[in-house]
Structure formats: structure tokens, C-alpha cells
């Protein structure tokens, strides 16, 4: 079943936190919760659910990364979005694929916009735009 047809309460809560919270405590909790979910949602048993958790993790890391001077969280967000996109394809779940691609693009934009650009950033960018 495409992810967009299943209710994703965590995704909605993460987006609400972005709009209403100025602190990072709840986003840190979200990161921890998604990491725990990834321990249970294996790629072999629950590939779409795992990809959903990877996308949610990427979103929370992206939001944290936008609030920090280091690029570490943004780089982690990019990696999480890439992992999600290995399973969430345009053919399998077009709406969720588009959302994950959008999240990846936003994280890459924030990674390169006025922040310290680390040597590995160019490689991350090039990987994201490959066919």
C-alpha cells in the first residue's frame, strides 16, 4: 500500500512541530523515536514502513540542522532521505516519492546556502541529482 494512503501521524506531528516549536527538545525526541522504529522496521520485513521512518527521521534531522551552525544534521538528513528513496519510488508511491524528493532537495538547499560547505557536500549533491 502506498504510504500516502496510510495515515502518517508522526509525519504530521513533525510538520506541526516545525511550525509551532522554537526549541529542539521535541525534534530530538522525534529523532530518537524514528531511530528506535528503524530497529524494528527492517527493510526485509517492512520495506515501505522503514522508508517512511527514514523519511520522518530525515525530516526531523533537517529541521534540527536548519537551527544549528554545524552541517552534521543536514548531512544526516540527506542520507536518511536517500535511504528512503531507495524504496519509495515514483512507481511504487508517486505522492510519497515526490514528498521525499522535495524534502531531499530542501535539505540539500539548506546544506549549501551560506553554511560551511564541507568537502563531502559536493559528492552528496551529485548523488542526489543522479538518474
C-alpha atoms as a PDB file:
ATOM      1  CA  UNK A   1       0.000   0.000   0.000  1.00  0.00           C
ATOM      2  CA  UNK A   2       1.468   3.427  -0.878  1.00  0.00           C
ATOM      3  CA  UNK A   3       2.495   5.412   2.154  1.00  0.00           C
ATOM      4  CA  UNK A   4       0.209   8.304   1.268  1.00  0.00           C
ATOM      5  CA  UNK A   5      -2.814   6.040   1.745  1.00  0.00           C
ATOM      6  CA  UNK A   6      -1.765   5.062   5.250  1.00  0.00           C
ATOM      7  CA  UNK A   7      -2.131   7.649   7.988  1.00  0.00           C
ATOM      8  CA  UNK A   8       1.256   9.013   8.934  1.00  0.00           C
ATOM      9  CA  UNK A   9       0.599  10.678  12.233  1.00  0.00           C
ATOM     10  CA  UNK A  10       4.296  11.090  13.013  1.00  0.00           C
ATOM     11  CA  UNK A  11       4.891  12.979   9.758  1.00  0.00           C
ATOM     12  CA  UNK A  12       2.000  15.322  10.526  1.00  0.00           C
ATOM     13  CA  UNK A  13       3.267  15.880  14.064  1.00  0.00           C
ATOM     14  CA  UNK A  14       6.771  16.637  12.817  1.00  0.00           C
ATOM     15  CA  UNK A  15       5.416  19.240  10.421  1.00  0.00           C
ATOM     16  CA  UNK A  16       3.340  20.784  13.213  1.00  0.00           C
ATOM     17  CA  UNK A  17       6.410  20.945  15.471  1.00  0.00           C
ATOM     18  CA  UNK A  18       8.268  22.799  12.740  1.00  0.00           C
ATOM     19  CA  UNK A  19       5.546  25.441  12.680  1.00  0.00           C
ATOM     20  CA  UNK A  20       4.970  25.865  16.408  1.00  0.00           C
ATOM     21  CA  UNK A  21       8.157  24.986  18.319  1.00  0.00           C
ATOM     22  CA  UNK A  22      11.208  27.177  18.524  1.00  0.00           C
ATOM     23  CA  UNK A  23      13.169  24.766  20.710  1.00  0.00           C
ATOM     24  CA  UNK A  24      14.704  21.462  19.731  1.00  0.00           C
ATOM     25  CA  UNK A  25      13.699  19.081  22.543  1.00  0.00           C
ATOM     26  CA  UNK A  26      10.716  17.572  20.738  1.00  0.00           C
ATOM     27  CA  UNK A  27      12.616  17.291  17.483  1.00  0.00           C
ATOM     28  CA  UNK A  28      15.376  15.458  19.362  1.00  0.00           C
ATOM     29  CA  UNK A  29      12.699  13.117  20.757  1.00  0.00           C
ATOM     30  CA  UNK A  30      11.384  12.564  17.237  1.00  0.00           C
ATOM     31  CA  UNK A  31      14.871  11.644  16.009  1.00  0.00           C
ATOM     32  CA  UNK A  32      15.260   9.163  18.867  1.00  0.00           C
ATOM     33  CA  UNK A  33      11.806   7.661  18.223  1.00  0.00           C
ATOM     34  CA  UNK A  34      12.444   7.198  14.499  1.00  0.00           C
ATOM     35  CA  UNK A  35      15.808   5.568  15.205  1.00  0.00           C
ATOM     36  CA  UNK A  36      14.063   3.090  17.512  1.00  0.00           C
ATOM     37  CA  UNK A  37      11.430   2.459  14.824  1.00  0.00           C
ATOM     38  CA  UNK A  38      14.211   1.703  12.328  1.00  0.00           C
ATOM     39  CA  UNK A  39      15.467  -1.066  14.598  1.00  0.00           C
ATOM     40  CA  UNK A  40      12.093  -2.807  14.285  1.00  0.00           C
ATOM     41  CA  UNK A  41      11.111  -1.850  10.751  1.00  0.00           C
ATOM     42  CA  UNK A  42      13.624  -3.847   8.770  1.00  0.00           C
ATOM     43  CA  UNK A  43      13.996  -3.460   5.031  1.00  0.00           C
ATOM     44  CA  UNK A  44      13.367  -7.175   4.582  1.00  0.00           C
ATOM     45  CA  UNK A  45      10.125  -7.371   6.601  1.00  0.00           C
ATOM     46  CA  UNK A  46       8.624  -3.877   6.328  1.00  0.00           C
ATOM     47  CA  UNK A  47      10.314  -2.007   3.473  1.00  0.00           C
ATOM     48  CA  UNK A  48       7.704   0.743   2.977  1.00  0.00           C
ATOM     49  CA  UNK A  49       7.292   1.320   6.701  1.00  0.00           C
ATOM     50  CA  UNK A  50      11.062   1.509   7.092  1.00  0.00           C
ATOM     51  CA  UNK A  51      11.269   4.010   4.253  1.00  0.00           C
ATOM     52  CA  UNK A  52       8.551   6.050   5.971  1.00  0.00           C
ATOM     53  CA  UNK A  53      10.616   6.084   9.176  1.00  0.00           C
ATOM     54  CA  UNK A  54      13.728   7.056   7.214  1.00  0.00           C
ATOM     55  CA  UNK A  55      11.826   9.934   5.616  1.00  0.00           C
ATOM     56  CA  UNK A  56      10.484  11.039   9.020  1.00  0.00           C
ATOM     57  CA  UNK A  57      13.989  10.802  10.501  1.00  0.00           C
ATOM     58  CA  UNK A  58      15.340  12.876   7.638  1.00  0.00           C
ATOM     59  CA  UNK A  59      12.638  15.486   8.157  1.00  0.00           C
ATOM     60  CA  UNK A  60      13.379  15.813  11.898  1.00  0.00           C
ATOM     61  CA  UNK A  61      17.138  15.970  11.256  1.00  0.00           C
ATOM     62  CA  UNK A  62      16.588  18.566   8.550  1.00  0.00           C
ATOM     63  CA  UNK A  63      14.587  20.746  10.928  1.00  0.00           C
ATOM     64  CA  UNK A  64      17.284  20.425  13.601  1.00  0.00           C
ATOM     65  CA  UNK A  65      20.019  21.103  11.067  1.00  0.00           C
ATOM     66  CA  UNK A  66      18.374  24.348   9.986  1.00  0.00           C
ATOM     67  CA  UNK A  67      18.654  25.556  13.603  1.00  0.00           C
ATOM     68  CA  UNK A  68      22.321  24.678  14.077  1.00  0.00           C
ATOM     69  CA  UNK A  69      25.561  26.146  12.755  1.00  0.00           C
ATOM     70  CA  UNK A  70      27.038  22.708  12.025  1.00  0.00           C
ATOM     71  CA  UNK A  71      26.077  20.850   8.851  1.00  0.00           C
ATOM     72  CA  UNK A  72      26.188  17.430  10.555  1.00  0.00           C
ATOM     73  CA  UNK A  73      22.409  17.083  10.964  1.00  0.00           C
ATOM     74  CA  UNK A  74      21.749  18.294   7.427  1.00  0.00           C
ATOM     75  CA  UNK A  75      24.176  15.699   6.092  1.00  0.00           C
ATOM     76  CA  UNK A  76      22.418  13.024   8.162  1.00  0.00           C
ATOM     77  CA  UNK A  77      19.060  14.225   6.823  1.00  0.00           C
ATOM     78  CA  UNK A  78      20.305  13.908   3.236  1.00  0.00           C
ATOM     79  CA  UNK A  79      21.491  10.361   3.944  1.00  0.00           C
ATOM     80  CA  UNK A  80      18.128   9.449   5.505  1.00  0.00           C
ATOM     81  CA  UNK A  81      16.202  10.840   2.522  1.00  0.00           C
ATOM     82  CA  UNK A  82      18.447   8.880   0.149  1.00  0.00           C
ATOM     83  CA  UNK A  83      17.757   5.703   2.144  1.00  0.00           C
ATOM     84  CA  UNK A  84      14.008   6.348   1.986  1.00  0.00           C
ATOM     85  CA  UNK A  85      14.165   6.942  -1.761  1.00  0.00           C
ATOM     86  CA  UNK A  86      15.770   3.545  -2.333  1.00  0.00           C
ATOM     87  CA  UNK A  87      12.335   2.072  -1.532  1.00  0.00           C
ATOM     88  CA  UNK A  88       9.907   4.915  -2.177  1.00  0.00           C
ATOM     89  CA  UNK A  89       9.982   5.078  -5.946  1.00  0.00           C
ATOM     90  CA  UNK A  90       7.828   7.009  -8.344  1.00  0.00           C
ATOM     91  CA  UNK A  91       6.272   3.742  -9.492  1.00  0.00           C
ATOM     92  CA  UNK A  92       5.514   2.366  -6.010  1.00  0.00           C
ATOM     93  CA  UNK A  93       4.244   5.505  -4.283  1.00  0.00           C
ATOM     94  CA  UNK A  94       4.322   8.604  -6.541  1.00  0.00           C
ATOM     95  CA  UNK A  95       2.995  11.090  -3.963  1.00  0.00           C
ATOM     96  CA  UNK A  96       5.368   9.912  -1.227  1.00  0.00           C
ATOM     97  CA  UNK A  97       8.235   9.791  -3.720  1.00  0.00           C
ATOM     98  CA  UNK A  98       7.562  13.424  -4.653  1.00  0.00           C
ATOM     99  CA  UNK A  99       7.452  14.446  -0.983  1.00  0.00           C
ATOM    100  CA  UNK A 100      10.706  12.629  -0.226  1.00  0.00           C
ATOM    101  CA  UNK A 101      12.385  14.179  -3.292  1.00  0.00           C
ATOM    102  CA  UNK A 102      11.157  17.603  -2.163  1.00  0.00           C
ATOM    103  CA  UNK A 103      12.498  17.012   1.350  1.00  0.00           C
ATOM    104  CA  UNK A 104      15.840  15.920  -0.090  1.00  0.00           C
ATOM    105  CA  UNK A 105      16.014  18.995  -2.311  1.00  0.00           C
ATOM    106  CA  UNK A 106      15.200  21.295   0.596  1.00  0.00           C
ATOM    107  CA  UNK A 107      17.823  19.685   2.832  1.00  0.00           C
ATOM    108  CA  UNK A 108      20.438  19.966   0.071  1.00  0.00           C
ATOM    109  CA  UNK A 109      19.487  23.597  -0.494  1.00  0.00           C
ATOM    110  CA  UNK A 110      19.895  24.367   3.206  1.00  0.00           C
ATOM    111  CA  UNK A 111      23.162  22.443   3.264  1.00  0.00           C
ATOM    112  CA  UNK A 112      24.584  24.681   0.561  1.00  0.00           C
ATOM    113  CA  UNK A 113      23.017  28.045   1.393  1.00  0.00           C
ATOM    114  CA  UNK A 114      25.511  30.121   3.289  1.00  0.00           C
ATOM    115  CA  UNK A 115      26.599  27.369   5.602  1.00  0.00           C
ATOM    116  CA  UNK A 116      30.106  25.993   5.837  1.00  0.00           C
ATOM    117  CA  UNK A 117      30.360  23.600   2.915  1.00  0.00           C
ATOM    118  CA  UNK A 118      32.331  20.520   3.832  1.00  0.00           C
ATOM    119  CA  UNK A 119      34.355  18.601   1.251  1.00  0.00           C
ATOM    120  CA  UNK A 120      31.801  15.752   1.098  1.00  0.00           C
ATOM    121  CA  UNK A 121      28.909  18.082   0.277  1.00  0.00           C
ATOM    122  CA  UNK A 122      29.601  18.116  -3.453  1.00  0.00           C
ATOM    123  CA  UNK A 123      29.516  14.316  -3.529  1.00  0.00           C
ATOM    124  CA  UNK A 124      26.200  14.304  -1.611  1.00  0.00           C
ATOM    125  CA  UNK A 125      24.743  16.793  -4.070  1.00  0.00           C
ATOM    126  CA  UNK A 126      25.922  14.866  -7.107  1.00  0.00           C
ATOM    127  CA  UNK A 127      24.465  11.635  -5.714  1.00  0.00           C
ATOM    128  CA  UNK A 128      21.109  13.336  -5.222  1.00  0.00           C
ATOM    129  CA  UNK A 129      20.802  14.513  -8.816  1.00  0.00           C
ATOM    130  CA  UNK A 130      21.805  11.275 -10.492  1.00  0.00           C
ATOM    131  CA  UNK A 131      19.230   9.455 -12.600  1.00  0.00           C
END
